[in-house]
Structure formats: C-alpha cells, structure tokens
Amino acid sequence: MPTRPDAPLPTFADLQRELPLTSPTAWRFAAQRAASRVGALVSAGLRTGYRHRFDSGPFMDHVYANRPRGRGAVGRAVDRRLLRRRTCVAFRDIRVLAERAIGDALAAAGTSEPVVADLAAGPAPYLLHAIAGHPGARAVMRDVDPEAIDGAPAAARTLGLDGRAPFARADAFDRETLRALDRRPDVVVELGLYGIYRVVRLERAA
C-alpha cells in the first residue's frame, strides 16, 4: 500500500524492527534475499558483496569499474542488472562529483603543494585521480578496514603517485589519528561518514 503524502516518515528505530512473519513485505524481502543469494553464484558483483560486504572497498571497486562480470551470459546479465541499480548509479555519480570537488578545493588551497586527508577513504579512486591532476598535491588516506585499502597502493602506483598517497589503517573517529598527521591538511574529504554516524546517534537518543 502506498504511503499517504502526509504520513510521518519511519524513524531509524522503526526500520530496525523485525517485520512479522505474516507480513507480505517480509515475504517479499525474503524472496529478494533468496534471489540475491542465488544470483551470487553467477554474478561477480553479488559474490564480491557477500564475501567482503556491500560497503567494502572491493565491492565499490566493482561498482566504479561498471563492467559486468560473471559466469557466462547469465552471470553477466545478473551483474549488469546489479550495476544498473539506482544505488550503484548514485555511487558512480558521487565519485564524479567528489573528484571534481576535490580538484576545485586543491586549486583554491593557496599553495603549490596542498595536502588532502581522507580518514575513511576506502579505495578512494576519486581522491587518487584528483591528486594525479595536481602534480604538487599529496594525499593522506586512512581507513579502519584493512580490506578497504588493500588495492589502493597498487592503484596509486598505476597513476604515478608513489610517495604522494600513503595509506594506513586508522579509525576516523579516533582524535589521535588527526593529531598524528605530519602536517595539517589543507583539504579534508568526508563523504557522508560523520553525517550518517550523527543521524544514527540522534535516532538512538530519541
């Protein structure tokens, strides 16, 4: 049943509650989960998502590459459908906007050797490409998940960024991570992490 225009939006707590077993919505979600699990047998993207999590660096690399891969024509078709989902399209759009915004910020930093920091970077291809476009720029990249940045050093080398984009494991919410930076960054990148964290905390406190 469609929601009335004047109906209140569900809270975070509402969305966390288990649906009753008699709910048609619960049946639909169960069917979708089952279909997704079956799809992971042939789709490279779904298989990566279930193996590493759907917010992981390896999965985001697959989304950014936007090249359907899988077992046979069926696997590629399932993977193509995954990559065409609105969330995946939005992730790719955000990457383009982020790279453009970082480039503009570096150009406006007022120094020939600006430093940009991303403390929850993941693979961050948008940041690496932005740095590559500014020969004097340097990036400081951190992430709490080691898998999220496993492929980043190789990507940096491919772009000729050896020594200009060091990676390390660190928690973005640890203030000592900020204090330990060798130099105060001219630009700090944050793509929703702190905003999401704040919303969750507010909802739990409500």
N, C-alpha and C. Protein backbone atom coordinates (compact mmCIF):
# COMPACT_ATOMS: atom_id res chain seq x y z
N MET A 1 0.85 -1.19 0.00
CA MET A 1 0.00 0.00 0.00
C MET A 1 0.89 1.25 0.00
N PRO A 2 0.65 2.21 -0.91
CA PRO A 2 1.47 3.42 -0.94
C PRO A 2 1.26 4.25 0.31
N THR A 3 2.33 4.95 0.71
CA THR A 3 2.27 5.81 1.89
C THR A 3 1.54 7.10 1.56
N ARG A 4 0.66 7.55 2.48
CA ARG A 4 -0.03 8.82 2.27
C ARG A 4 0.98 9.95 2.30
N PRO A 5 0.77 11.01 1.47
CA PRO A 5 1.73 12.13 1.43
C PRO A 5 1.93 12.77 2.79
N ASP A 6 0.89 12.76 3.66
CA ASP A 6 1.01 13.42 4.96
C ASP A 6 1.44 12.46 6.07
N ALA A 7 1.73 11.19 5.72
CA ALA A 7 2.13 10.21 6.73
C ALA A 7 3.55 10.49 7.19
N PRO A 8 3.84 10.34 8.51
CA PRO A 8 5.20 10.58 9.01
C PRO A 8 6.18 9.54 8.47
N LEU A 9 7.40 9.96 8.22
CA LEU A 9 8.43 9.04 7.75
C LEU A 9 8.85 8.11 8.89
N PRO A 10 9.20 6.87 8.58
CA PRO A 10 9.64 5.96 9.64
C PRO A 10 10.96 6.42 10.24
N THR A 11 11.13 6.18 11.53
CA THR A 11 12.38 6.51 12.20
C THR A 11 13.38 5.37 12.00
N PHE A 12 14.62 5.62 12.41
CA PHE A 12 15.65 4.59 12.32
C PHE A 12 15.25 3.37 13.15
N ALA A 13 14.66 3.62 14.34
CA ALA A 13 14.22 2.52 15.19
C ALA A 13 13.12 1.71 14.51
N ASP A 14 12.20 2.40 13.81
CA ASP A 14 11.14 1.70 13.08
C ASP A 14 11.73 0.77 12.03
N LEU A 15 12.74 1.25 11.32
CA LEU A 15 13.34 0.46 10.24
C LEU A 15 14.12 -0.73 10.77
N GLN A 16 14.56 -0.66 12.03
CA GLN A 16 15.31 -1.76 12.64
C GLN A 16 14.43 -2.89 13.14
N ARG A 17 13.13 -2.62 13.35
CA ARG A 17 12.24 -3.64 13.92
C ARG A 17 12.00 -4.77 12.92
N GLU A 18 11.96 -5.99 13.44
CA GLU A 18 11.66 -7.15 12.61
C GLU A 18 10.21 -7.10 12.14
N LEU A 19 9.98 -7.42 10.88
CA LEU A 19 8.61 -7.49 10.37
C LEU A 19 7.98 -8.80 10.83
N PRO A 20 6.69 -8.79 11.11
CA PRO A 20 6.02 -10.05 11.50
C PRO A 20 6.04 -11.05 10.35
N LEU A 21 6.06 -12.32 10.70
CA LEU A 21 6.13 -13.36 9.67
C LEU A 21 4.92 -13.36 8.74
N THR A 22 3.82 -12.77 9.19
CA THR A 22 2.61 -12.73 8.36
C THR A 22 2.62 -11.55 7.40
N SER A 23 3.64 -10.70 7.45
CA SER A 23 3.69 -9.50 6.62
C SER A 23 4.08 -9.84 5.18
N PRO A 24 3.26 -9.41 4.20
CA PRO A 24 3.65 -9.61 2.80
C PRO A 24 4.98 -8.95 2.46
N THR A 25 5.28 -7.84 3.13
CA THR A 25 6.56 -7.18 2.90
C THR A 25 7.71 -8.07 3.34
N ALA A 26 7.53 -8.77 4.46
CA ALA A 26 8.56 -9.70 4.92
C ALA A 26 8.77 -10.83 3.92
N TRP A 27 7.66 -11.32 3.33
CA TRP A 27 7.78 -12.37 2.32
C TRP A 27 8.54 -11.87 1.10
N ARG A 28 8.22 -10.64 0.71
CA ARG A 28 8.89 -10.06 -0.48
C ARG A 28 10.38 -9.91 -0.24
N PHE A 29 10.75 -9.41 0.95
CA PHE A 29 12.17 -9.24 1.27
C PHE A 29 12.87 -10.59 1.31
N ALA A 30 12.20 -11.60 1.87
CA ALA A 30 12.80 -12.94 1.94
C ALA A 30 13.05 -13.49 0.54
N ALA A 31 12.08 -13.28 -0.35
CA ALA A 31 12.24 -13.75 -1.73
C ALA A 31 13.39 -13.02 -2.42
N GLN A 32 13.50 -11.71 -2.16
CA GLN A 32 14.58 -10.93 -2.77
C GLN A 32 15.94 -11.39 -2.25
N ARG A 33 16.02 -11.68 -0.93
CA ARG A 33 17.28 -12.15 -0.37
C ARG A 33 17.67 -13.50 -0.98
N ALA A 34 16.69 -14.37 -1.13
CA ALA A 34 16.97 -15.68 -1.71
C ALA A 34 17.45 -15.54 -3.16
N ALA A 35 16.78 -14.69 -3.93
CA ALA A 35 17.16 -14.48 -5.32
C ALA A 35 18.57 -13.89 -5.41
N SER A 36 18.88 -12.97 -4.48
CA SER A 36 20.21 -12.35 -4.47
C SER A 36 21.29 -13.39 -4.17
N ARG A 37 21.00 -14.27 -3.22
CA ARG A 37 21.96 -15.32 -2.88
C ARG A 37 22.20 -16.26 -4.06
N VAL A 38 21.14 -16.60 -4.77
CA VAL A 38 21.28 -17.45 -5.96
C VAL A 38 22.07 -16.70 -7.02
N GLY A 39 21.78 -15.39 -7.18
CA GLY A 39 22.50 -14.59 -8.16
C GLY A 39 23.98 -14.52 -7.89
N ALA A 40 24.37 -14.59 -6.60
CA ALA A 40 25.78 -14.53 -6.23
C ALA A 40 26.56 -15.74 -6.75
N LEU A 41 25.86 -16.81 -7.12
CA LEU A 41 26.53 -17.98 -7.68
C LEU A 41 27.09 -17.70 -9.06
N VAL A 42 26.53 -16.69 -9.75
CA VAL A 42 26.96 -16.41 -11.13
C VAL A 42 27.44 -14.97 -11.34
N SER A 43 27.01 -14.04 -10.50
CA SER A 43 27.37 -12.64 -10.65
C SER A 43 28.62 -12.30 -9.84
N ALA A 44 29.63 -11.72 -10.49
CA ALA A 44 30.86 -11.35 -9.78
C ALA A 44 30.60 -10.27 -8.75
N GLY A 45 29.71 -9.32 -9.06
CA GLY A 45 29.43 -8.24 -8.12
C GLY A 45 28.74 -8.72 -6.86
N LEU A 46 27.70 -9.55 -7.02
CA LEU A 46 27.00 -10.09 -5.85
C LEU A 46 27.91 -10.97 -5.03
N ARG A 47 28.73 -11.77 -5.71
CA ARG A 47 29.65 -12.65 -4.99
C ARG A 47 30.65 -11.81 -4.18
N THR A 48 31.15 -10.73 -4.76
CA THR A 48 32.08 -9.84 -4.05
C THR A 48 31.38 -9.19 -2.86
N GLY A 49 30.14 -8.77 -3.05
CA GLY A 49 29.40 -8.12 -1.98
C GLY A 49 29.17 -9.04 -0.78
N TYR A 50 28.79 -10.28 -1.04
CA TYR A 50 28.56 -11.22 0.06
C TYR A 50 29.87 -11.66 0.71
N ARG A 51 30.93 -11.69 -0.06
CA ARG A 51 32.22 -12.13 0.50
C ARG A 51 32.88 -11.02 1.33
N HIS A 52 32.80 -9.77 0.85
CA HIS A 52 33.52 -8.67 1.50
C HIS A 52 32.60 -7.63 2.14
N ARG A 53 31.29 -7.73 1.96
CA ARG A 53 30.28 -6.75 2.38
C ARG A 53 30.02 -5.77 1.24
N PHE A 54 28.80 -5.27 1.22
CA PHE A 54 28.40 -4.40 0.13
C PHE A 54 28.82 -2.95 0.33
N ASP A 55 29.51 -2.65 1.43
CA ASP A 55 30.09 -1.32 1.61
C ASP A 55 31.61 -1.39 1.61
N SER A 56 32.16 -2.52 1.13
CA SER A 56 33.61 -2.73 1.19
C SER A 56 34.31 -2.11 -0.01
N GLY A 57 35.62 -1.98 0.13
CA GLY A 57 36.43 -1.47 -0.98
C GLY A 57 36.34 -2.33 -2.23
N PRO A 58 36.48 -3.67 -2.12
CA PRO A 58 36.38 -4.50 -3.33
C PRO A 58 35.05 -4.35 -4.05
N PHE A 59 33.94 -4.25 -3.30
CA PHE A 59 32.65 -4.09 -3.97
C PHE A 59 32.55 -2.73 -4.65
N MET A 60 33.02 -1.66 -3.96
CA MET A 60 32.96 -0.34 -4.56
C MET A 60 33.84 -0.26 -5.80
N ASP A 61 34.97 -0.95 -5.79
CA ASP A 61 35.81 -1.01 -7.00
C ASP A 61 35.02 -1.59 -8.16
N HIS A 62 34.24 -2.63 -7.88
CA HIS A 62 33.44 -3.26 -8.93
C HIS A 62 32.37 -2.30 -9.45
N VAL A 63 31.74 -1.58 -8.53
CA VAL A 63 30.71 -0.61 -8.93
C VAL A 63 31.31 0.51 -9.77
N TYR A 64 32.45 1.04 -9.33
CA TYR A 64 33.09 2.13 -10.06
C TYR A 64 33.54 1.69 -11.46
N ALA A 65 34.07 0.46 -11.56
CA ALA A 65 34.53 -0.03 -12.87
C ALA A 65 33.37 -0.16 -13.85
N ASN A 66 32.17 -0.53 -13.34
CA ASN A 66 30.96 -0.62 -14.16
C ASN A 66 31.14 -1.54 -15.37
N ARG A 67 31.77 -2.68 -15.14
CA ARG A 67 31.94 -3.68 -16.20
C ARG A 67 31.32 -5.00 -15.73
N PRO A 68 30.17 -5.39 -16.28
CA PRO A 68 29.51 -6.62 -15.84
C PRO A 68 30.41 -7.83 -16.00
N ARG A 69 30.53 -8.60 -14.92
CA ARG A 69 31.34 -9.82 -14.95
C ARG A 69 30.58 -10.94 -14.25
N GLY A 70 30.78 -12.15 -14.74
CA GLY A 70 30.11 -13.28 -14.13
C GLY A 70 30.34 -14.54 -14.92
N ARG A 71 29.67 -15.59 -14.50
CA ARG A 71 29.82 -16.88 -15.15
C ARG A 71 28.86 -16.98 -16.32
N GLY A 72 29.40 -16.87 -17.51
CA GLY A 72 28.59 -16.99 -18.70
C GLY A 72 27.71 -15.77 -18.94
N ALA A 73 26.86 -15.89 -19.95
CA ALA A 73 25.97 -14.78 -20.32
C ALA A 73 24.97 -14.47 -19.20
N VAL A 74 24.51 -15.50 -18.51
CA VAL A 74 23.54 -15.29 -17.43
C VAL A 74 24.20 -14.51 -16.29
N GLY A 75 25.41 -14.89 -15.92
CA GLY A 75 26.11 -14.19 -14.85
C GLY A 75 26.35 -12.73 -15.19
N ARG A 76 26.73 -12.46 -16.42
CA ARG A 76 26.96 -11.07 -16.83
C ARG A 76 25.66 -10.28 -16.86
N ALA A 77 24.57 -10.94 -17.23
CA ALA A 77 23.27 -10.26 -17.26
C ALA A 77 22.83 -9.90 -15.83
N VAL A 78 23.02 -10.82 -14.89
CA VAL A 78 22.67 -10.54 -13.48
C VAL A 78 23.54 -9.41 -12.95
N ASP A 79 24.82 -9.45 -13.28
CA ASP A 79 25.74 -8.43 -12.81
C ASP A 79 25.40 -7.06 -13.43
N ARG A 80 25.00 -7.07 -14.68
CA ARG A 80 24.61 -5.81 -15.34
C ARG A 80 23.40 -5.20 -14.65
N ARG A 81 22.46 -6.05 -14.26
CA ARG A 81 21.29 -5.55 -13.55
C ARG A 81 21.68 -4.96 -12.20
N LEU A 82 22.63 -5.60 -11.51
CA LEU A 82 23.13 -5.06 -10.24
C LEU A 82 23.75 -3.68 -10.46
N LEU A 83 24.59 -3.55 -11.45
CA LEU A 83 25.30 -2.29 -11.70
C LEU A 83 24.37 -1.17 -12.16
N ARG A 84 23.18 -1.54 -12.63
CA ARG A 84 22.21 -0.53 -13.06
C ARG A 84 21.26 -0.11 -11.94
N ARG A 85 21.39 -0.70 -10.76
CA ARG A 85 20.55 -0.29 -9.64
C ARG A 85 20.81 1.17 -9.31
N ARG A 86 19.79 1.82 -8.79
CA ARG A 86 19.91 3.25 -8.50
C ARG A 86 21.05 3.57 -7.55
N THR A 87 21.24 2.70 -6.56
CA THR A 87 22.31 2.96 -5.60
C THR A 87 23.68 2.91 -6.28
N CYS A 88 23.89 1.94 -7.16
CA CYS A 88 25.17 1.82 -7.85
C CYS A 88 25.39 3.00 -8.79
N VAL A 89 24.34 3.40 -9.50
CA VAL A 89 24.44 4.58 -10.37
C VAL A 89 24.77 5.81 -9.54
N ALA A 90 24.13 5.94 -8.37
CA ALA A 90 24.38 7.09 -7.49
C ALA A 90 25.81 7.09 -7.00
N PHE A 91 26.36 5.91 -6.66
CA PHE A 91 27.75 5.83 -6.21
C PHE A 91 28.70 6.34 -7.29
N ARG A 92 28.43 5.98 -8.55
CA ARG A 92 29.30 6.44 -9.63
C ARG A 92 29.15 7.94 -9.85
N ASP A 93 27.93 8.45 -9.73
CA ASP A 93 27.73 9.89 -9.85
C ASP A 93 28.45 10.65 -8.74
N ILE A 94 28.37 10.10 -7.52
CA ILE A 94 29.05 10.74 -6.38
C ILE A 94 30.56 10.75 -6.60
N ARG A 95 31.09 9.68 -7.19
CA ARG A 95 32.53 9.65 -7.46
C ARG A 95 32.93 10.80 -8.37
N VAL A 96 32.17 11.03 -9.43
CA VAL A 96 32.49 12.11 -10.37
C VAL A 96 32.43 13.47 -9.66
N LEU A 97 31.37 13.68 -8.88
CA LEU A 97 31.21 14.95 -8.17
C LEU A 97 32.32 15.13 -7.13
N ALA A 98 32.69 14.05 -6.43
CA ALA A 98 33.73 14.14 -5.41
C ALA A 98 35.08 14.49 -6.04
N GLU A 99 35.40 13.83 -7.14
CA GLU A 99 36.68 14.12 -7.81
C GLU A 99 36.74 15.58 -8.26
N ARG A 100 35.62 16.07 -8.78
CA ARG A 100 35.56 17.46 -9.24
C ARG A 100 35.70 18.42 -8.06
N ALA A 101 35.01 18.11 -6.96
CA ALA A 101 35.06 18.99 -5.78
C ALA A 101 36.45 19.02 -5.16
N ILE A 102 37.11 17.86 -5.09
CA ILE A 102 38.47 17.81 -4.54
C ILE A 102 39.42 18.60 -5.41
N GLY A 103 39.28 18.45 -6.72
CA GLY A 103 40.13 19.21 -7.63
C GLY A 103 39.96 20.70 -7.45
N ASP A 104 38.71 21.15 -7.31
CA ASP A 104 38.46 22.58 -7.09
C ASP A 104 39.05 23.05 -5.76
N ALA A 105 38.92 22.21 -4.72
CA ALA A 105 39.45 22.58 -3.40
C ALA A 105 40.97 22.66 -3.42
N LEU A 106 41.62 21.74 -4.13
CA LEU A 106 43.08 21.78 -4.23
C LEU A 106 43.54 23.03 -4.97
N ALA A 107 42.82 23.37 -6.03
CA ALA A 107 43.18 24.57 -6.80
C ALA A 107 43.02 25.84 -5.97
N ALA A 108 42.08 25.81 -5.03
CA ALA A 108 41.80 27.00 -4.21
C ALA A 108 42.56 27.00 -2.89
N ALA A 109 43.43 26.01 -2.67
CA ALA A 109 44.10 25.87 -1.38
C ALA A 109 45.12 26.97 -1.10
N GLY A 110 45.58 27.65 -2.13
CA GLY A 110 46.52 28.74 -1.93
C GLY A 110 47.95 28.30 -1.73
N THR A 111 48.29 27.06 -2.11
CA THR A 111 49.65 26.55 -2.01
C THR A 111 49.91 25.63 -3.19
N SER A 112 51.17 25.56 -3.61
CA SER A 112 51.52 24.71 -4.74
C SER A 112 51.63 23.24 -4.35
N GLU A 113 51.69 22.97 -3.03
CA GLU A 113 51.81 21.59 -2.55
C GLU A 113 50.74 21.31 -1.48
N PRO A 114 49.48 21.33 -1.87
CA PRO A 114 48.41 21.10 -0.89
C PRO A 114 48.36 19.66 -0.42
N VAL A 115 47.89 19.46 0.81
CA VAL A 115 47.71 18.13 1.38
C VAL A 115 46.23 17.92 1.62
N VAL A 116 45.71 16.80 1.13
CA VAL A 116 44.31 16.46 1.35
C VAL A 116 44.25 15.18 2.17
N ALA A 117 43.39 15.16 3.18
CA ALA A 117 43.26 13.99 4.05
C ALA A 117 41.86 13.40 3.95
N ASP A 118 41.80 12.07 3.88
CA ASP A 118 40.54 11.35 3.94
C ASP A 118 40.74 10.23 4.96
N LEU A 119 40.06 10.34 6.10
CA LEU A 119 40.28 9.40 7.21
C LEU A 119 39.36 8.18 7.15
N ALA A 120 38.49 8.14 6.15
CA ALA A 120 37.66 6.95 5.91
C ALA A 120 37.62 6.74 4.41
N ALA A 121 38.80 6.56 3.83
CA ALA A 121 38.97 6.67 2.39
C ALA A 121 38.48 5.46 1.60
N GLY A 122 38.64 4.25 2.16
CA GLY A 122 38.39 3.07 1.33
C GLY A 122 39.37 3.10 0.16
N PRO A 123 38.99 2.59 -1.01
CA PRO A 123 39.90 2.63 -2.16
C PRO A 123 40.05 4.04 -2.74
N ALA A 124 39.02 4.90 -2.55
CA ALA A 124 39.07 6.33 -2.92
C ALA A 124 39.66 6.62 -4.29
N PRO A 125 39.15 6.03 -5.36
CA PRO A 125 39.70 6.35 -6.69
C PRO A 125 39.50 7.81 -7.06
N TYR A 126 38.40 8.41 -6.57
CA TYR A 126 38.15 9.82 -6.86
C TYR A 126 39.26 10.70 -6.30
N LEU A 127 39.77 10.36 -5.11
CA LEU A 127 40.84 11.13 -4.49
C LEU A 127 42.15 10.94 -5.23
N LEU A 128 42.46 9.70 -5.60
CA LEU A 128 43.70 9.42 -6.32
C LEU A 128 43.73 10.15 -7.66
N HIS A 129 42.62 10.13 -8.38
CA HIS A 129 42.58 10.80 -9.68
C HIS A 129 42.69 12.31 -9.51
N ALA A 130 42.09 12.85 -8.46
CA ALA A 130 42.19 14.29 -8.21
C ALA A 130 43.63 14.68 -7.91
N ILE A 131 44.32 13.87 -7.11
CA ILE A 131 45.72 14.13 -6.79
C ILE A 131 46.59 14.05 -8.04
N ALA A 132 46.30 13.07 -8.88
CA ALA A 132 47.08 12.91 -10.11
C ALA A 132 46.98 14.14 -11.00
N GLY A 133 45.87 14.85 -10.90
CA GLY A 133 45.69 16.05 -11.72
C GLY A 133 46.36 17.28 -11.16
N HIS A 134 46.97 17.17 -9.98
CA HIS A 134 47.66 18.30 -9.34
C HIS A 134 49.06 17.81 -8.93
N PRO A 135 50.07 18.03 -9.77
CA PRO A 135 51.40 17.45 -9.57
C PRO A 135 52.02 17.71 -8.20
N GLY A 136 51.72 18.83 -7.55
CA GLY A 136 52.32 19.11 -6.26
C GLY A 136 51.52 18.62 -5.07
N ALA A 137 50.34 18.08 -5.32
CA ALA A 137 49.44 17.69 -4.23
C ALA A 137 49.83 16.34 -3.63
N ARG A 138 49.43 16.16 -2.36
CA ARG A 138 49.69 14.90 -1.66
C ARG A 138 48.44 14.52 -0.88
N ALA A 139 48.19 13.21 -0.77
CA ALA A 139 47.02 12.73 -0.04
C ALA A 139 47.45 11.92 1.17
N VAL A 140 46.68 12.02 2.24
CA VAL A 140 46.85 11.16 3.42
C VAL A 140 45.57 10.35 3.53
N MET A 141 45.68 9.03 3.40
CA MET A 141 44.50 8.18 3.33
C MET A 141 44.50 7.16 4.47
N ARG A 142 43.37 7.08 5.16
CA ARG A 142 43.22 6.17 6.29
C ARG A 142 41.88 5.44 6.16
N ASP A 143 41.80 4.25 6.74
CA ASP A 143 40.54 3.53 6.83
C ASP A 143 40.67 2.48 7.91
N VAL A 144 39.58 2.23 8.64
CA VAL A 144 39.61 1.26 9.73
C VAL A 144 39.59 -0.17 9.22
N ASP A 145 39.12 -0.38 7.99
CA ASP A 145 39.00 -1.72 7.41
C ASP A 145 40.19 -1.99 6.51
N PRO A 146 41.07 -2.94 6.86
CA PRO A 146 42.24 -3.19 6.01
C PRO A 146 41.88 -3.62 4.59
N GLU A 147 40.76 -4.34 4.43
CA GLU A 147 40.35 -4.75 3.10
C GLU A 147 39.98 -3.57 2.22
N ALA A 148 39.52 -2.48 2.86
CA ALA A 148 39.07 -1.31 2.11
C ALA A 148 40.20 -0.64 1.36
N ILE A 149 41.43 -0.75 1.87
CA ILE A 149 42.54 -0.06 1.22
C ILE A 149 43.58 -1.02 0.67
N ASP A 150 43.25 -2.31 0.61
CA ASP A 150 44.21 -3.29 0.10
C ASP A 150 44.68 -2.96 -1.31
N GLY A 151 43.75 -2.57 -2.16
CA GLY A 151 44.12 -2.32 -3.56
C GLY A 151 44.55 -0.90 -3.84
N ALA A 152 44.45 -0.01 -2.85
CA ALA A 152 44.75 1.40 -3.09
C ALA A 152 46.21 1.67 -3.43
N PRO A 153 47.21 1.06 -2.75
CA PRO A 153 48.60 1.33 -3.12
C PRO A 153 48.91 0.98 -4.58
N ALA A 154 48.38 -0.14 -5.06
CA ALA A 154 48.61 -0.52 -6.46
C ALA A 154 47.98 0.49 -7.40
N ALA A 155 46.77 0.97 -7.05
CA ALA A 155 46.10 1.98 -7.88
C ALA A 155 46.91 3.27 -7.89
N ALA A 156 47.49 3.63 -6.75
CA ALA A 156 48.31 4.84 -6.67
C ALA A 156 49.55 4.71 -7.55
N ARG A 157 50.18 3.54 -7.53
CA ARG A 157 51.36 3.34 -8.36
C ARG A 157 51.02 3.42 -9.84
N THR A 158 49.86 2.88 -10.21
CA THR A 158 49.42 2.93 -11.60
C THR A 158 49.29 4.36 -12.09
N LEU A 159 48.87 5.27 -11.19
CA LEU A 159 48.70 6.68 -11.54
C LEU A 159 49.97 7.49 -11.32
N GLY A 160 51.07 6.81 -10.98
CA GLY A 160 52.33 7.52 -10.78
C GLY A 160 52.37 8.32 -9.50
N LEU A 161 51.70 7.85 -8.44
CA LEU A 161 51.61 8.60 -7.19
C LEU A 161 52.46 8.01 -6.08
N ASP A 162 53.52 7.29 -6.41
CA ASP A 162 54.38 6.71 -5.38
C ASP A 162 54.86 7.79 -4.42
N GLY A 163 54.62 7.57 -3.12
CA GLY A 163 55.08 8.51 -2.11
C GLY A 163 54.16 9.70 -1.90
N ARG A 164 53.17 9.86 -2.75
CA ARG A 164 52.27 11.02 -2.64
C ARG A 164 50.91 10.67 -2.05
N ALA A 165 50.66 9.39 -1.81
CA ALA A 165 49.35 8.99 -1.27
C ALA A 165 49.55 7.83 -0.30
N PRO A 166 50.18 8.07 0.87
CA PRO A 166 50.39 6.99 1.84
C PRO A 166 49.09 6.51 2.47
N PHE A 167 49.01 5.21 2.71
CA PHE A 167 47.83 4.59 3.30
C PHE A 167 48.20 3.98 4.64
N ALA A 168 47.24 3.99 5.55
CA ALA A 168 47.44 3.33 6.85
C ALA A 168 46.08 2.99 7.43
N ARG A 169 46.07 2.00 8.33
CA ARG A 169 44.83 1.63 8.99
C ARG A 169 44.62 2.53 10.21
N ALA A 170 43.46 3.14 10.30
CA ALA A 170 43.15 4.03 11.44
C ALA A 170 41.65 4.24 11.50
N ASP A 171 41.17 4.56 12.70
CA ASP A 171 39.76 4.82 12.94
C ASP A 171 39.49 6.32 12.76
N ALA A 172 38.58 6.66 11.88
CA ALA A 172 38.28 8.07 11.60
C ALA A 172 37.73 8.80 12.81
N PHE A 173 37.21 8.06 13.80
CA PHE A 173 36.65 8.69 15.00
C PHE A 173 37.67 8.80 16.14
N ASP A 174 38.90 8.37 15.88
CA ASP A 174 39.96 8.47 16.87
C ASP A 174 40.67 9.81 16.70
N ARG A 175 40.56 10.68 17.68
CA ARG A 175 41.17 12.02 17.57
C ARG A 175 42.69 11.93 17.43
N GLU A 176 43.29 10.89 17.96
CA GLU A 176 44.74 10.75 17.83
C GLU A 176 45.16 10.56 16.38
N THR A 177 44.26 10.02 15.56
CA THR A 177 44.54 9.88 14.13
C THR A 177 44.78 11.25 13.51
N LEU A 178 43.98 12.22 13.91
CA LEU A 178 44.15 13.59 13.40
C LEU A 178 45.43 14.21 13.95
N ARG A 179 45.68 14.02 15.23
CA ARG A 179 46.86 14.63 15.85
C ARG A 179 48.16 14.04 15.30
N ALA A 180 48.10 12.80 14.82
CA ALA A 180 49.31 12.13 14.35
C ALA A 180 49.71 12.52 12.93
N LEU A 181 48.90 13.28 12.23
CA LEU A 181 49.25 13.68 10.88
C LEU A 181 50.50 14.54 10.90
N ASP A 182 51.41 14.28 9.95
CA ASP A 182 52.68 15.02 9.90
C ASP A 182 52.46 16.51 9.65
N ARG A 183 51.44 16.81 8.87
CA ARG A 183 51.17 18.20 8.53
C ARG A 183 49.67 18.42 8.52
N ARG A 184 49.27 19.59 8.99
CA ARG A 184 47.85 19.92 8.97
C ARG A 184 47.36 19.95 7.53
N PRO A 185 46.30 19.18 7.21
CA PRO A 185 45.83 19.14 5.82
C PRO A 185 45.19 20.45 5.38
N ASP A 186 45.35 20.74 4.10
CA ASP A 186 44.70 21.92 3.53
C ASP A 186 43.26 21.61 3.14
N VAL A 187 42.99 20.35 2.84
CA VAL A 187 41.65 19.89 2.43
C VAL A 187 41.34 18.60 3.18
N VAL A 188 40.12 18.47 3.71
CA VAL A 188 39.69 17.24 4.36
C VAL A 188 38.46 16.72 3.61
N VAL A 189 38.49 15.46 3.24
CA VAL A 189 37.40 14.86 2.48
C VAL A 189 36.54 14.02 3.42
N GLU A 190 35.23 14.16 3.31
CA GLU A 190 34.29 13.39 4.12
C GLU A 190 33.04 13.17 3.29
N LEU A 191 32.81 11.93 2.88
CA LEU A 191 31.67 11.62 2.02
C LEU A 191 30.56 10.93 2.81
N GLY A 192 30.01 11.62 3.79
CA GLY A 192 28.82 11.13 4.47
C GLY A 192 29.05 10.35 5.75
N LEU A 193 30.29 9.95 6.04
CA LEU A 193 30.53 9.09 7.20
C LEU A 193 30.07 9.74 8.50
N TYR A 194 30.54 10.97 8.78
CA TYR A 194 30.20 11.61 10.03
C TYR A 194 28.72 12.00 10.08
N GLY A 195 28.16 12.35 8.93
CA GLY A 195 26.74 12.68 8.87
C GLY A 195 25.88 11.47 9.21
N ILE A 196 26.22 10.31 8.64
CA ILE A 196 25.48 9.08 8.94
C ILE A 196 25.60 8.73 10.41
N TYR A 197 26.82 8.83 10.93
CA TYR A 197 27.07 8.49 12.34
C TYR A 197 26.24 9.39 13.25
N ARG A 198 26.16 10.69 12.92
CA ARG A 198 25.41 11.63 13.75
C ARG A 198 23.91 11.31 13.70
N VAL A 199 23.39 10.99 12.52
CA VAL A 199 21.96 10.67 12.39
C VAL A 199 21.62 9.45 13.23
N VAL A 200 22.47 8.41 13.16
CA VAL A 200 22.22 7.18 13.92
C VAL A 200 22.22 7.48 15.41
N ARG A 201 23.16 8.30 15.88
CA ARG A 201 23.23 8.63 17.30
C ARG A 201 22.01 9.41 17.73
N LEU A 202 21.56 10.35 16.91
CA LEU A 202 20.37 11.14 17.25
C LEU A 202 19.14 10.26 17.32
N GLU A 203 19.01 9.32 16.36
CA GLU A 203 17.85 8.44 16.35
C GLU A 203 17.85 7.54 17.60
N ARG A 204 19.01 7.06 18.00
CA ARG A 204 19.08 6.17 19.17
C ARG A 204 18.83 6.93 20.45
N ALA A 205 19.17 8.22 20.44
CA ALA A 205 18.94 9.03 21.64
C ALA A 205 17.50 9.50 21.76
N ALA A 206 16.77 9.46 20.65
CA ALA A 206 15.39 9.97 20.65
C ALA A 206 14.46 9.06 21.45
